[in-house]
Protein backbone atom coordinates (compact mmCIF):
# COMPACT_ATOMS: atom_id res chain seq x y z
CA UNK A 1 0.00 0.00 0.00
CA UNK A 2 2.71 2.51 0.99
CA UNK A 3 4.78 2.19 -2.25
CA UNK A 4 1.66 2.65 -4.40
CA UNK A 5 0.56 5.70 -2.39
CA UNK A 6 4.07 7.16 -2.61
CA UNK A 7 4.06 6.73 -6.41
CA UNK A 8 0.61 8.35 -6.64
CA UNK A 9 1.77 11.43 -4.73
CA UNK A 10 5.10 11.58 -6.60
CA UNK A 11 3.42 11.40 -10.01
CA UNK A 12 0.46 13.70 -9.25
CA UNK A 13 0.93 16.87 -11.29
CA UNK A 14 -0.75 19.31 -8.90
CA UNK A 15 0.53 22.14 -6.75
CA UNK A 16 -1.74 21.24 -3.83
CA UNK A 17 -2.88 17.83 -2.61
CA UNK A 18 -5.46 17.42 0.16
CA UNK A 19 -6.07 14.02 1.72
CA UNK A 20 -8.80 13.40 4.29
CA UNK A 21 -7.97 10.17 6.12
CA UNK A 22 -8.97 8.78 9.52
CA UNK A 23 -7.08 6.84 12.17
CA UNK A 24 -8.72 3.56 11.11
CA UNK A 25 -7.17 3.55 7.63
CA UNK A 26 -4.54 1.16 6.31
CA UNK A 27 -1.72 3.70 6.71
CA UNK A 28 -0.82 5.52 9.90
CA UNK A 29 -0.76 9.29 10.17
CA UNK A 30 3.04 8.99 10.44
CA UNK A 31 3.33 7.08 7.17
CA UNK A 32 1.25 9.66 5.29
CA UNK A 33 3.24 12.50 6.89
CA UNK A 34 6.58 10.91 5.93
CA UNK A 35 5.54 10.53 2.30
CA UNK A 36 4.07 14.04 2.00
CA UNK A 37 7.12 15.67 3.60
CA UNK A 38 9.35 14.21 0.87
CA UNK A 39 7.54 16.19 -1.81
CA UNK A 40 7.05 19.67 -0.38
CA UNK A 41 5.53 21.73 2.41
CA UNK A 42 3.31 19.63 4.68
CA UNK A 43 0.58 20.63 7.12
CA UNK A 44 -1.88 18.59 9.18
CA UNK A 45 -5.29 19.47 10.62
CA UNK A 46 -6.85 17.00 13.07
CA UNK A 47 -10.45 16.71 14.31
CA UNK A 48 -11.97 14.20 16.72
CA UNK A 49 -15.46 12.88 15.98
CA UNK A 50 -17.77 10.83 18.14
CA UNK A 51 -18.32 7.46 16.49
CA UNK A 52 -21.74 6.81 14.96
CA UNK A 53 -23.33 3.86 16.77
CA UNK A 54 -26.26 2.18 15.07
CA UNK A 55 -25.61 -1.29 16.48
CA UNK A 56 -25.46 -2.84 19.92
CA UNK A 57 -22.22 -2.40 21.84
CA UNK A 58 -21.62 -6.15 22.21
CA UNK A 59 -21.81 -6.66 18.41
CA UNK A 60 -19.44 -3.81 17.59
CA UNK A 61 -16.08 -4.54 15.98
CA UNK A 62 -14.70 -1.11 16.90
CA UNK A 63 -14.86 -0.42 20.64
CA UNK A 64 -13.53 3.17 20.53
CA UNK A 65 -16.06 5.92 21.13
CA UNK A 66 -14.38 8.36 18.76
CA UNK A 67 -12.30 8.54 15.62
CA UNK A 68 -9.75 11.09 14.44
CA UNK A 69 -10.05 12.61 11.00
CA UNK A 70 -6.84 14.03 9.54
CA UNK A 71 -6.64 16.53 6.71
CA UNK A 72 -3.17 16.14 5.21
CA UNK A 73 -2.17 19.16 3.12
CA UNK A 74 0.75 19.14 0.71
CA UNK A 75 2.07 22.02 -1.35
CA UNK A 76 4.28 20.19 -3.82
CA UNK A 77 7.72 21.59 -4.47
CA UNK A 78 7.96 20.04 -7.94
CA UNK A 79 5.11 19.91 -10.43
CA UNK A 80 4.97 20.87 -14.09
CA UNK A 81 1.90 23.12 -13.96
CA UNK A 82 2.16 26.11 -16.27
CA UNK A 83 5.85 26.64 -15.56
CA UNK A 84 6.94 23.32 -17.10
CA UNK A 85 9.53 22.71 -14.40
CA UNK A 86 11.18 19.38 -13.85
CA UNK A 87 8.98 16.65 -12.39
CA UNK A 88 11.96 14.68 -11.10
CA UNK A 89 11.09 14.02 -7.48
CA UNK A 90 13.02 12.40 -4.64
CA UNK A 91 12.17 8.85 -3.61
CA UNK A 92 11.81 7.68 -0.05
CA UNK A 93 14.56 5.45 1.19
CA UNK A 94 13.71 1.83 1.82
CA UNK A 95 14.46 2.31 5.52
CA UNK A 96 11.51 4.13 7.05
CA UNK A 97 11.30 5.49 10.55
CA UNK A 98 7.73 5.93 11.72
CA UNK A 99 7.15 7.93 14.88
PDB file of N, CA and C in Angstrom:
ATOM      1  N   UNK A   1       0.822  -1.196   0.000  1.00  0.00           N
ATOM      2  CA  UNK A   1       0.000   0.000   0.000  1.00  0.00           C
ATOM      3  C   UNK A   1       0.868   1.264   0.000  1.00  0.00           C
ATOM      4  N   UNK A   2       1.874   1.317   0.864  1.00  0.00           N
ATOM      5  CA  UNK A   2       2.712   2.512   0.988  1.00  0.00           C
ATOM      6  C   UNK A   2       3.451   2.831  -0.316  1.00  0.00           C
ATOM      7  N   UNK A   3       4.086   1.863  -0.995  1.00  0.00           N
ATOM      8  CA  UNK A   3       4.777   2.190  -2.251  1.00  0.00           C
ATOM      9  C   UNK A   3       3.829   2.725  -3.334  1.00  0.00           C
ATOM     10  N   UNK A   4       2.629   2.192  -3.399  1.00  0.00           N
ATOM     11  CA  UNK A   4       1.656   2.651  -4.396  1.00  0.00           C
ATOM     12  C   UNK A   4       1.208   4.076  -4.077  1.00  0.00           C
ATOM     13  N   UNK A   5       0.958   4.351  -2.797  1.00  0.00           N
ATOM     14  CA  UNK A   5       0.560   5.697  -2.386  1.00  0.00           C
ATOM     15  C   UNK A   5       1.689   6.695  -2.659  1.00  0.00           C
ATOM     16  N   UNK A   6       2.914   6.298  -2.356  1.00  0.00           N
ATOM     17  CA  UNK A   6       4.070   7.162  -2.614  1.00  0.00           C
ATOM     18  C   UNK A   6       4.172   7.494  -4.102  1.00  0.00           C
ATOM     19  N   UNK A   7       3.994   6.506  -4.962  1.00  0.00           N
ATOM     20  CA  UNK A   7       4.055   6.730  -6.411  1.00  0.00           C
ATOM     21  C   UNK A   7       2.929   7.656  -6.865  1.00  0.00           C
ATOM     22  N   UNK A   8       1.746   7.500  -6.302  1.00  0.00           N
ATOM     23  CA  UNK A   8       0.610   8.354  -6.644  1.00  0.00           C
ATOM     24  C   UNK A   8       0.919   9.818  -6.323  1.00  0.00           C
ATOM     25  N   UNK A   9       1.443  10.069  -5.134  1.00  0.00           N
ATOM     26  CA  UNK A   9       1.772  11.435  -4.725  1.00  0.00           C
ATOM     27  C   UNK A   9       2.932  11.975  -5.567  1.00  0.00           C
ATOM     28  N   UNK A  10       3.945  11.166  -5.798  1.00  0.00           N
ATOM     29  CA  UNK A  10       5.096  11.578  -6.601  1.00  0.00           C
ATOM     30  C   UNK A  10       4.666  11.978  -8.009  1.00  0.00           C
ATOM     31  N   UNK A  11       3.794  11.194  -8.620  1.00  0.00           N
ATOM     32  CA  UNK A  11       3.423  11.403 -10.013  1.00  0.00           C
ATOM     33  C   UNK A  11       2.270  12.382 -10.209  1.00  0.00           C
ATOM     34  N   UNK A  12       1.583  12.766  -9.139  1.00  0.00           N
ATOM     35  CA  UNK A  12       0.458  13.702  -9.248  1.00  0.00           C
ATOM     36  C   UNK A  12       0.988  15.069  -9.671  1.00  0.00           C
ATOM     37  N   UNK A  13       0.447  15.601 -10.741  1.00  0.00           N
ATOM     38  CA  UNK A  13       0.927  16.869 -11.288  1.00  0.00           C
ATOM     39  C   UNK A  13       0.025  18.016 -10.818  1.00  0.00           C
ATOM     40  N   UNK A  14       0.039  18.256  -9.515  1.00  0.00           N
ATOM     41  CA  UNK A  14      -0.754  19.314  -8.905  1.00  0.00           C
ATOM     42  C   UNK A  14       0.105  20.070  -7.911  1.00  0.00           C
ATOM     43  N   UNK A  15      -0.206  21.354  -7.740  1.00  0.00           N
ATOM     44  CA  UNK A  15       0.532  22.139  -6.754  1.00  0.00           C
ATOM     45  C   UNK A  15       0.093  21.766  -5.344  1.00  0.00           C
ATOM     46  N   UNK A  16      -1.213  21.554  -5.155  1.00  0.00           N
ATOM     47  CA  UNK A  16      -1.740  21.238  -3.827  1.00  0.00           C
ATOM     48  C   UNK A  16      -2.421  19.878  -3.845  1.00  0.00           C
ATOM     49  N   UNK A  17      -2.202  19.110  -2.795  1.00  0.00           N
ATOM     50  CA  UNK A  17      -2.884  17.831  -2.614  1.00  0.00           C
ATOM     51  C   UNK A  17      -3.473  17.830  -1.210  1.00  0.00           C
ATOM     52  N   UNK A  18      -4.760  17.518  -1.113  1.00  0.00           N
ATOM     53  CA  UNK A  18      -5.461  17.418   0.161  1.00  0.00           C
ATOM     54  C   UNK A  18      -5.940  15.980   0.321  1.00  0.00           C
ATOM     55  N   UNK A  19      -5.661  15.393   1.454  1.00  0.00           N
ATOM     56  CA  UNK A  19      -6.075  14.022   1.720  1.00  0.00           C
ATOM     57  C   UNK A  19      -6.779  13.973   3.066  1.00  0.00           C
ATOM     58  N   UNK A  20      -8.052  13.609   3.056  1.00  0.00           N
ATOM     59  CA  UNK A  20      -8.797  13.396   4.290  1.00  0.00           C
ATOM     60  C   UNK A  20      -8.738  11.905   4.597  1.00  0.00           C
ATOM     61  N   UNK A  21      -8.250  11.571   5.783  1.00  0.00           N
ATOM     62  CA  UNK A  21      -7.972  10.171   6.120  1.00  0.00           C
ATOM     63  C   UNK A  21      -8.147  10.009   7.619  1.00  0.00           C
ATOM     64  N   UNK A  22      -8.779   8.925   8.068  1.00  0.00           N
ATOM     65  CA  UNK A  22      -8.971   8.780   9.519  1.00  0.00           C
ATOM     66  C   UNK A  22      -8.005   7.768  10.130  1.00  0.00           C
ATOM     67  N   UNK A  23      -8.033   7.688  11.439  1.00  0.00           N
ATOM     68  CA  UNK A  23      -7.084   6.841  12.169  1.00  0.00           C
ATOM     69  C   UNK A  23      -7.382   5.350  12.036  1.00  0.00           C
ATOM     70  N   UNK A  24      -8.416   4.976  11.323  1.00  0.00           N
ATOM     71  CA  UNK A  24      -8.724   3.561  11.115  1.00  0.00           C
ATOM     72  C   UNK A  24      -8.335   3.094   9.714  1.00  0.00           C
ATOM     73  N   UNK A  25      -7.591   3.902   8.985  1.00  0.00           N
ATOM     74  CA  UNK A  25      -7.171   3.551   7.633  1.00  0.00           C
ATOM     75  C   UNK A  25      -6.022   2.554   7.638  1.00  0.00           C
ATOM     76  N   UNK A  26      -5.605   2.150   6.456  1.00  0.00           N
ATOM     77  CA  UNK A  26      -4.537   1.160   6.310  1.00  0.00           C
ATOM     78  C   UNK A  26      -3.156   1.735   6.589  1.00  0.00           C
ATOM     79  N   UNK A  27      -3.003   3.048   6.421  1.00  0.00           N
ATOM     80  CA  UNK A  27      -1.723   3.700   6.707  1.00  0.00           C
ATOM     81  C   UNK A  27      -1.870   4.559   7.958  1.00  0.00           C
ATOM     82  N   UNK A  28      -0.795   4.669   8.705  1.00  0.00           N
ATOM     83  CA  UNK A  28      -0.819   5.516   9.898  1.00  0.00           C
ATOM     84  C   UNK A  28      -0.626   6.976   9.496  1.00  0.00           C
ATOM     85  N   UNK A  29      -0.973   7.868  10.411  1.00  0.00           N
ATOM     86  CA  UNK A  29      -0.759   9.293  10.171  1.00  0.00           C
ATOM     87  C   UNK A  29       0.730   9.560   9.939  1.00  0.00           C
ATOM     88  N   UNK A  30       1.599   8.831  10.618  1.00  0.00           N
ATOM     89  CA  UNK A  30       3.041   8.986  10.443  1.00  0.00           C
ATOM     90  C   UNK A  30       3.518   8.580   9.063  1.00  0.00           C
ATOM     91  N   UNK A  31       2.944   7.517   8.513  1.00  0.00           N
ATOM     92  CA  UNK A  31       3.328   7.079   7.169  1.00  0.00           C
ATOM     93  C   UNK A  31       2.926   8.114   6.120  1.00  0.00           C
ATOM     94  N   UNK A  32       1.705   8.641   6.243  1.00  0.00           N
ATOM     95  CA  UNK A  32       1.250   9.656   5.291  1.00  0.00           C
ATOM     96  C   UNK A  32       2.127  10.897   5.415  1.00  0.00           C
ATOM     97  N   UNK A  33       2.399  11.326   6.649  1.00  0.00           N
ATOM     98  CA  UNK A  33       3.244  12.501   6.885  1.00  0.00           C
ATOM     99  C   UNK A  33       4.623  12.314   6.248  1.00  0.00           C
ATOM    100  N   UNK A  34       5.237  11.165   6.458  1.00  0.00           N
ATOM    101  CA  UNK A  34       6.579  10.906   5.929  1.00  0.00           C
ATOM    102  C   UNK A  34       6.605  11.008   4.406  1.00  0.00           C
ATOM    103  N   UNK A  35       5.604  10.469   3.758  1.00  0.00           N
ATOM    104  CA  UNK A  35       5.539  10.525   2.295  1.00  0.00           C
ATOM    105  C   UNK A  35       5.331  11.964   1.827  1.00  0.00           C
ATOM    106  N   UNK A  36       4.353  12.664   2.421  1.00  0.00           N
ATOM    107  CA  UNK A  36       4.066  14.035   1.999  1.00  0.00           C
ATOM    108  C   UNK A  36       5.274  14.947   2.196  1.00  0.00           C
ATOM    109  N   UNK A  37       5.988  14.791   3.311  1.00  0.00           N
ATOM    110  CA  UNK A  37       7.118  15.673   3.602  1.00  0.00           C
ATOM    111  C   UNK A  37       8.255  15.529   2.594  1.00  0.00           C
ATOM    112  N   UNK A  38       8.316  14.412   1.890  1.00  0.00           N
ATOM    113  CA  UNK A  38       9.353  14.214   0.868  1.00  0.00           C
ATOM    114  C   UNK A  38       9.114  15.063  -0.377  1.00  0.00           C
ATOM    115  N   UNK A  39       7.899  15.541  -0.551  1.00  0.00           N
ATOM    116  CA  UNK A  39       7.545  16.186  -1.806  1.00  0.00           C
ATOM    117  C   UNK A  39       7.179  17.657  -1.679  1.00  0.00           C
ATOM    118  N   UNK A  40       7.342  18.245  -0.505  1.00  0.00           N
ATOM    119  CA  UNK A  40       7.049  19.670  -0.381  1.00  0.00           C
ATOM    120  C   UNK A  40       6.679  20.074   1.028  1.00  0.00           C
ATOM    121  N   UNK A  41       5.946  21.169   1.117  1.00  0.00           N
ATOM    122  CA  UNK A  41       5.533  21.735   2.406  1.00  0.00           C
ATOM    123  C   UNK A  41       4.290  20.998   2.900  1.00  0.00           C
ATOM    124  N   UNK A  42       4.371  20.479   4.122  1.00  0.00           N
ATOM    125  CA  UNK A  42       3.314  19.628   4.682  1.00  0.00           C
ATOM    126  C   UNK A  42       2.651  20.314   5.867  1.00  0.00           C
ATOM    127  N   UNK A  43       1.341  20.148   5.972  1.00  0.00           N
ATOM    128  CA  UNK A  43       0.582  20.631   7.122  1.00  0.00           C
ATOM    129  C   UNK A  43      -0.486  19.596   7.450  1.00  0.00           C
ATOM    130  N   UNK A  44      -0.899  19.574   8.720  1.00  0.00           N
ATOM    131  CA  UNK A  44      -1.883  18.594   9.183  1.00  0.00           C
ATOM    132  C   UNK A  44      -2.910  19.290  10.058  1.00  0.00           C
ATOM    133  N   UNK A  45      -4.190  19.008   9.788  1.00  0.00           N
ATOM    134  CA  UNK A  45      -5.295  19.470  10.622  1.00  0.00           C
ATOM    135  C   UNK A  45      -5.992  18.224  11.136  1.00  0.00           C
ATOM    136  N   UNK A  46      -6.280  18.194  12.433  1.00  0.00           N
ATOM    137  CA  UNK A  46      -6.851  17.002  13.067  1.00  0.00           C
ATOM    138  C   UNK A  46      -8.147  17.370  13.783  1.00  0.00           C
ATOM    139  N   UNK A  47      -9.167  16.519  13.636  1.00  0.00           N
ATOM    140  CA  UNK A  47     -10.445  16.708  14.312  1.00  0.00           C
ATOM    141  C   UNK A  47     -10.902  15.376  14.881  1.00  0.00           C
ATOM    142  N   UNK A  48     -11.427  15.410  16.091  1.00  0.00           N
ATOM    143  CA  UNK A  48     -11.968  14.205  16.721  1.00  0.00           C
ATOM    144  C   UNK A  48     -13.483  14.199  16.544  1.00  0.00           C
ATOM    145  N   UNK A  49     -14.025  13.047  16.156  1.00  0.00           N
ATOM    146  CA  UNK A  49     -15.460  12.879  15.983  1.00  0.00           C
ATOM    147  C   UNK A  49     -15.953  11.754  16.883  1.00  0.00           C
ATOM    148  N   UNK A  50     -17.144  11.921  17.394  1.00  0.00           N
ATOM    149  CA  UNK A  50     -17.773  10.834  18.138  1.00  0.00           C
ATOM    150  C   UNK A  50     -18.232   9.800  17.119  1.00  0.00           C
ATOM    151  N   UNK A  51     -17.975   8.551  17.406  1.00  0.00           N
ATOM    152  CA  UNK A  51     -18.318   7.461  16.493  1.00  0.00           C
ATOM    153  C   UNK A  51     -19.836   7.302  16.398  1.00  0.00           C
ATOM    154  N   UNK A  52     -20.329   7.114  15.172  1.00  0.00           N
ATOM    155  CA  UNK A  52     -21.741   6.814  14.958  1.00  0.00           C
ATOM    156  C   UNK A  52     -21.995   5.388  15.416  1.00  0.00           C
ATOM    157  N   UNK A  53     -23.029   5.191  16.221  1.00  0.00           N
ATOM    158  CA  UNK A  53     -23.328   3.865  16.774  1.00  0.00           C
ATOM    159  C   UNK A  53     -24.770   3.491  16.442  1.00  0.00           C
ATOM    160  N   UNK A  54     -24.928   2.640  15.447  1.00  0.00           N
ATOM    161  CA  UNK A  54     -26.256   2.184  15.072  1.00  0.00           C
ATOM    162  C   UNK A  54     -26.504   0.750  15.527  1.00  0.00           C
ATOM    163  N   UNK A  55     -25.484   0.102  16.056  1.00  0.00           N
ATOM    164  CA  UNK A  55     -25.609  -1.291  16.477  1.00  0.00           C
ATOM    165  C   UNK A  55     -25.479  -1.397  17.993  1.00  0.00           C
ATOM    166  N   UNK A  56     -25.626  -2.597  18.485  1.00  0.00           N
ATOM    167  CA  UNK A  56     -25.463  -2.835  19.918  1.00  0.00           C
ATOM    168  C   UNK A  56     -23.980  -2.924  20.251  1.00  0.00           C
ATOM    169  N   UNK A  57     -23.621  -2.445  21.411  1.00  0.00           N
ATOM    170  CA  UNK A  57     -22.224  -2.401  21.835  1.00  0.00           C
ATOM    171  C   UNK A  57     -21.563  -3.771  21.771  1.00  0.00           C
ATOM    172  N   UNK A  58     -22.249  -4.820  22.185  1.00  0.00           N
ATOM    173  CA  UNK A  58     -21.620  -6.147  22.213  1.00  0.00           C
ATOM    174  C   UNK A  58     -21.348  -6.706  20.816  1.00  0.00           C
ATOM    175  N   UNK A  59     -22.020  -6.190  19.787  1.00  0.00           N
ATOM    176  CA  UNK A  59     -21.813  -6.657  18.413  1.00  0.00           C
ATOM    177  C   UNK A  59     -20.803  -5.802  17.645  1.00  0.00           C
ATOM    178  N   UNK A  60     -20.291  -4.781  18.260  1.00  0.00           N
ATOM    179  CA  UNK A  60     -19.442  -3.807  17.587  1.00  0.00           C
ATOM    180  C   UNK A  60     -18.011  -4.312  17.434  1.00  0.00           C
ATOM    181  N   UNK A  61     -17.477  -4.187  16.219  1.00  0.00           N
ATOM    182  CA  UNK A  61     -16.076  -4.538  15.978  1.00  0.00           C
ATOM    183  C   UNK A  61     -15.133  -3.477  16.529  1.00  0.00           C
ATOM    184  N   UNK A  62     -15.517  -2.221  16.423  1.00  0.00           N
ATOM    185  CA  UNK A  62     -14.702  -1.108  16.902  1.00  0.00           C
ATOM    186  C   UNK A  62     -15.241  -0.669  18.251  1.00  0.00           C
ATOM    187  N   UNK A  63     -14.422  -0.755  19.280  1.00  0.00           N
ATOM    188  CA  UNK A  63     -14.856  -0.421  20.636  1.00  0.00           C
ATOM    189  C   UNK A  63     -14.631   1.043  20.993  1.00  0.00           C
ATOM    190  N   UNK A  64     -13.817   1.763  20.222  1.00  0.00           N
ATOM    191  CA  UNK A  64     -13.531   3.167  20.530  1.00  0.00           C
ATOM    192  C   UNK A  64     -14.794   4.012  20.371  1.00  0.00           C
ATOM    193  N   UNK A  65     -14.906   5.035  21.193  1.00  0.00           N
ATOM    194  CA  UNK A  65     -16.060   5.924  21.133  1.00  0.00           C
ATOM    195  C   UNK A  65     -15.865   7.076  20.157  1.00  0.00           C
ATOM    196  N   UNK A  66     -14.644   7.262  19.680  1.00  0.00           N
ATOM    197  CA  UNK A  66     -14.385   8.364  18.763  1.00  0.00           C
ATOM    198  C   UNK A  66     -13.347   7.948  17.721  1.00  0.00           C
ATOM    199  N   UNK A  67     -13.317   8.715  16.661  1.00  0.00           N
ATOM    200  CA  UNK A  67     -12.303   8.538  15.621  1.00  0.00           C
ATOM    201  C   UNK A  67     -11.641   9.891  15.369  1.00  0.00           C
ATOM    202  N   UNK A  68     -10.450   9.863  14.812  1.00  0.00           N
ATOM    203  CA  UNK A  68      -9.755  11.087  14.444  1.00  0.00           C
ATOM    204  C   UNK A  68      -9.716  11.187  12.930  1.00  0.00           C
ATOM    205  N   UNK A  69     -10.119  12.325  12.428  1.00  0.00           N
ATOM    206  CA  UNK A  69     -10.048  12.613  11.000  1.00  0.00           C
ATOM    207  C   UNK A  69      -8.878  13.568  10.791  1.00  0.00           C
ATOM    208  N   UNK A  70      -8.017  13.223   9.837  1.00  0.00           N
ATOM    209  CA  UNK A  70      -6.844  14.030   9.541  1.00  0.00           C
ATOM    210  C   UNK A  70      -6.981  14.619   8.146  1.00  0.00           C
ATOM    211  N   UNK A  71      -6.725  15.902   8.023  1.00  0.00           N
ATOM    212  CA  UNK A  71      -6.638  16.532   6.714  1.00  0.00           C
ATOM    213  C   UNK A  71      -5.162  16.804   6.459  1.00  0.00           C
ATOM    214  N   UNK A  72      -4.577  15.988   5.589  1.00  0.00           N
ATOM    215  CA  UNK A  72      -3.174  16.140   5.212  1.00  0.00           C
ATOM    216  C   UNK A  72      -3.127  17.121   4.042  1.00  0.00           C
ATOM    217  N   UNK A  73      -2.263  18.125   4.146  1.00  0.00           N
ATOM    218  CA  UNK A  73      -2.168  19.164   3.124  1.00  0.00           C
ATOM    219  C   UNK A  73      -0.726  19.212   2.622  1.00  0.00           C
ATOM    220  N   UNK A  74      -0.572  19.098   1.323  1.00  0.00           N
ATOM    221  CA  UNK A  74       0.754  19.141   0.708  1.00  0.00           C
ATOM    222  C   UNK A  74       0.787  20.222  -0.357  1.00  0.00           C
ATOM    223  N   UNK A  75       1.769  21.108  -0.260  1.00  0.00           N
ATOM    224  CA  UNK A  75       2.075  22.024  -1.349  1.00  0.00           C
ATOM    225  C   UNK A  75       3.334  21.472  -2.002  1.00  0.00           C
ATOM    226  N   UNK A  76       3.161  20.865  -3.167  1.00  0.00           N
ATOM    227  CA  UNK A  76       4.281  20.185  -3.817  1.00  0.00           C
ATOM    228  C   UNK A  76       5.349  21.173  -4.257  1.00  0.00           C
ATOM    229  N   UNK A  77       6.590  20.789  -4.052  1.00  0.00           N
ATOM    230  CA  UNK A  77       7.724  21.593  -4.472  1.00  0.00           C
ATOM    231  C   UNK A  77       7.927  21.485  -5.976  1.00  0.00           C
ATOM    232  N   UNK A  78       7.733  20.290  -6.523  1.00  0.00           N
ATOM    233  CA  UNK A  78       7.962  20.039  -7.938  1.00  0.00           C
ATOM    234  C   UNK A  78       6.674  19.569  -8.601  1.00  0.00           C
ATOM    235  N   UNK A  79       6.218  20.325  -9.579  1.00  0.00           N
ATOM    236  CA  UNK A  79       5.108  19.905 -10.431  1.00  0.00           C
ATOM    237  C   UNK A  79       5.243  20.687 -11.721  1.00  0.00           C
ATOM    238  N   UNK A  80       4.751  20.182 -12.821  1.00  0.00           N
ATOM    239  CA  UNK A  80       4.973  20.868 -14.092  1.00  0.00           C
ATOM    240  C   UNK A  80       4.082  22.093 -14.222  1.00  0.00           C
ATOM    241  N   UNK A  81       2.794  21.966 -13.908  1.00  0.00           N
ATOM    242  CA  UNK A  81       1.896  23.116 -13.961  1.00  0.00           C
ATOM    243  C   UNK A  81       2.095  23.930 -15.227  1.00  0.00           C
ATOM    244  N   UNK A  82       1.972  25.236 -15.112  1.00  0.00           N
ATOM    245  CA  UNK A  82       2.161  26.111 -16.265  1.00  0.00           C
ATOM    246  C   UNK A  82       3.619  26.476 -16.478  1.00  0.00           C
ATOM    247  N   UNK A  83       4.453  26.243 -15.455  1.00  0.00           N
ATOM    248  CA  UNK A  83       5.851  26.644 -15.557  1.00  0.00           C
ATOM    249  C   UNK A  83       6.715  25.594 -16.244  1.00  0.00           C
ATOM    250  N   UNK A  84       6.208  24.403 -16.433  1.00  0.00           N
ATOM    251  CA  UNK A  84       6.935  23.319 -17.100  1.00  0.00           C
ATOM    252  C   UNK A  84       8.278  23.036 -16.437  1.00  0.00           C
ATOM    253  N   UNK A  85       8.302  23.040 -15.118  1.00  0.00           N
ATOM    254  CA  UNK A  85       9.528  22.714 -14.402  1.00  0.00           C
ATOM    255  C   UNK A  85       9.718  21.210 -14.370  1.00  0.00           C
ATOM    256  N   UNK A  86      10.865  20.799 -13.923  1.00  0.00           N
ATOM    257  CA  UNK A  86      11.178  19.378 -13.852  1.00  0.00           C
ATOM    258  C   UNK A  86      10.232  18.665 -12.900  1.00  0.00           C
ATOM    259  N   UNK A  87       9.821  17.460 -13.263  1.00  0.00           N
ATOM    260  CA  UNK A  87       8.979  16.652 -12.388  1.00  0.00           C
ATOM    261  C   UNK A  87       9.788  15.569 -11.693  1.00  0.00           C
ATOM    262  N   UNK A  88      11.114  15.663 -11.781  1.00  0.00           N
ATOM    263  CA  UNK A  88      11.956  14.679 -11.099  1.00  0.00           C
ATOM    264  C   UNK A  88      11.840  14.895  -9.597  1.00  0.00           C
ATOM    265  N   UNK A  89      11.339  13.906  -8.909  1.00  0.00           N
ATOM    266  CA  UNK A  89      11.086  14.022  -7.480  1.00  0.00           C
ATOM    267  C   UNK A  89      11.912  13.013  -6.703  1.00  0.00           C
ATOM    268  N   UNK A  90      12.250  13.337  -5.458  1.00  0.00           N
ATOM    269  CA  UNK A  90      13.019  12.397  -4.642  1.00  0.00           C
ATOM    270  C   UNK A  90      12.190  11.185  -4.257  1.00  0.00           C
ATOM    271  N   UNK A  91      12.841  10.076  -4.058  1.00  0.00           N
ATOM    272  CA  UNK A  91      12.170   8.854  -3.607  1.00  0.00           C
ATOM    273  C   UNK A  91      12.489   8.646  -2.144  1.00  0.00           C
ATOM    274  N   UNK A  92      11.560   8.031  -1.442  1.00  0.00           N
ATOM    275  CA  UNK A  92      11.810   7.677  -0.051  1.00  0.00           C
ATOM    276  C   UNK A  92      12.834   6.560   0.002  1.00  0.00           C
ATOM    277  N   UNK A  93      13.627   6.555   1.027  1.00  0.00           N
ATOM    278  CA  UNK A  93      14.563   5.446   1.194  1.00  0.00           C
ATOM    279  C   UNK A  93      13.786   4.209   1.610  1.00  0.00           C
ATOM    280  N   UNK A  94      14.389   3.067   1.450  1.00  0.00           N
ATOM    281  CA  UNK A  94      13.713   1.826   1.816  1.00  0.00           C
ATOM    282  C   UNK A  94      13.644   1.656   3.324  1.00  0.00           C
ATOM    283  N   UNK A  95      14.480   2.379   4.055  1.00  0.00           N
ATOM    284  CA  UNK A  95      14.457   2.310   5.518  1.00  0.00           C
ATOM    285  C   UNK A  95      13.605   3.449   6.038  1.00  0.00           C
ATOM    286  N   UNK A  96      12.448   3.126   6.564  1.00  0.00           N
ATOM    287  CA  UNK A  96      11.514   4.133   7.054  1.00  0.00           C
ATOM    288  C   UNK A  96      11.520   4.152   8.572  1.00  0.00           C
ATOM    289  N   UNK A  97      11.433   5.334   9.112  1.00  0.00           N
ATOM    290  CA  UNK A  97      11.298   5.495  10.548  1.00  0.00           C
ATOM    291  C   UNK A  97       9.956   6.147  10.806  1.00  0.00           C
ATOM    292  N   UNK A  98       9.061   5.424  11.416  1.00  0.00           N
ATOM    293  CA  UNK A  98       7.731   5.934  11.715  1.00  0.00           C
ATOM    294  C   UNK A  98       7.678   6.274  13.191  1.00  0.00           C
ATOM    295  N   UNK A  99       7.254   7.496  13.481  1.00  0.00           N
ATOM    296  CA  UNK A  99       7.150   7.927  14.875  1.00  0.00           C
ATOM    297  C   UNK A  99       5.828   7.519  15.465  1.00  0.00           C
TER     298      UNK A  99
END
